[in-house]
């Protein structure tokens, strides 16, 4: 069984060496919450240039999901105070 981290409260398994973004996309999670302005946070460039995939890591602060290796037990969510749209 692959290790997992948690997107909000949902367990997301990942493969060794995989980034947070790759694991989220493979799990069907594309909406990463509100971004600056009216855009939705998401994986866009995949190389850290656009910073559209910034997520919050509990106890650590914001990280770019496309550049950050997944680690077992991480608790992730949208940037603090922004929440997810549920429509």
Protein backbone atom coordinates (compact mmCIF):
# COMPACT_ATOMS: atom_id res chain seq x y z
CA UNK A 1 0.00 0.00 0.00
CA UNK A 2 1.28 3.46 -0.91
CA UNK A 3 1.77 6.11 1.79
CA UNK A 4 -0.75 8.95 1.98
CA UNK A 5 -1.19 12.58 2.90
CA UNK A 6 -4.49 14.37 3.55
CA UNK A 7 -6.18 16.97 1.35
CA UNK A 8 -8.48 18.64 3.84
CA UNK A 9 -9.65 15.35 5.46
CA UNK A 10 -9.42 13.11 2.38
CA UNK A 11 -6.52 10.63 2.28
CA UNK A 12 -4.52 10.85 -0.96
CA UNK A 13 -2.03 8.10 -1.72
CA UNK A 14 1.21 8.88 -3.50
CA UNK A 15 4.10 7.05 -5.07
CA UNK A 16 7.68 7.48 -3.83
CA UNK A 17 9.24 10.57 -5.42
CA UNK A 18 5.89 12.02 -6.51
CA UNK A 19 5.00 15.66 -5.93
CA UNK A 20 1.92 16.79 -4.05
CA UNK A 21 0.44 18.11 -7.32
CA UNK A 22 0.94 14.84 -9.19
CA UNK A 23 -0.73 12.84 -6.42
CA UNK A 24 -3.65 15.29 -6.17
CA UNK A 25 -4.24 15.18 -9.93
CA UNK A 26 -4.04 11.39 -10.00
CA UNK A 27 -6.67 11.34 -7.22
CA UNK A 28 -8.96 13.57 -9.32
CA UNK A 29 -8.44 16.69 -7.21
CA UNK A 30 -7.93 19.67 -9.50
CA UNK A 31 -9.58 22.53 -7.56
CA UNK A 32 -7.10 23.75 -4.95
CA UNK A 33 -9.31 26.57 -3.67
CA UNK A 34 -9.50 30.29 -4.37
CA UNK A 35 -6.46 32.02 -5.80
CA UNK A 36 -5.74 35.72 -6.09
CA UNK A 37 -8.65 37.46 -7.75
CA UNK A 38 -11.44 35.39 -9.29
CA UNK A 39 -9.26 32.51 -10.52
CA UNK A 40 -9.27 29.07 -8.90
CA UNK A 41 -5.96 27.69 -7.59
CA UNK A 42 -4.86 24.73 -9.71
CA UNK A 43 -1.88 22.98 -11.21
CA UNK A 44 -1.06 25.00 -14.30
CA UNK A 45 2.59 25.09 -15.39
CA UNK A 46 3.91 22.22 -13.28
CA UNK A 47 7.36 23.81 -12.92
CA UNK A 48 6.86 26.46 -10.23
CA UNK A 49 6.85 29.46 -12.54
CA UNK A 50 3.21 30.51 -12.17
CA UNK A 51 2.59 29.72 -8.48
CA UNK A 52 -1.04 28.82 -9.27
CA UNK A 53 -0.79 25.62 -7.19
CA UNK A 54 0.09 27.13 -3.82
CA UNK A 55 -1.49 25.15 -0.98
CA UNK A 56 -1.23 25.33 2.80
CA UNK A 57 0.67 22.69 4.74
CA UNK A 58 -0.44 22.47 8.37
CA UNK A 59 2.36 23.58 10.64
CA UNK A 60 4.58 24.69 7.75
CA UNK A 61 2.81 27.36 5.69
CA UNK A 62 2.28 27.71 1.93
CA UNK A 63 4.13 25.59 -0.65
CA UNK A 64 3.97 25.12 -4.40
CA UNK A 65 2.35 21.71 -4.85
CA UNK A 66 4.11 21.09 -8.18
CA UNK A 67 7.57 21.43 -6.61
CA UNK A 68 7.01 19.88 -3.20
CA UNK A 69 7.59 16.17 -2.71
CA UNK A 70 4.69 14.35 -1.08
CA UNK A 71 5.36 13.10 2.45
CA UNK A 72 3.34 10.69 4.52
CA UNK A 73 1.03 12.32 7.02
CA UNK A 74 1.06 15.85 5.55
CA UNK A 75 -2.15 17.79 6.17
CA UNK A 76 -2.91 20.04 3.20
CA UNK A 77 -5.66 22.42 2.21
CA UNK A 78 -6.41 25.66 0.42
CA UNK A 79 -4.49 28.74 1.46
CA UNK A 80 -5.52 29.77 5.00
CA UNK A 81 -8.80 31.56 5.43
CA UNK A 82 -9.94 31.03 1.85
CA UNK A 83 -11.77 27.67 1.97
CA UNK A 84 -13.09 25.61 -0.94
CA UNK A 85 -16.06 26.40 -3.13
CA UNK A 86 -18.71 23.69 -2.79
CA UNK A 87 -20.93 24.10 -5.87
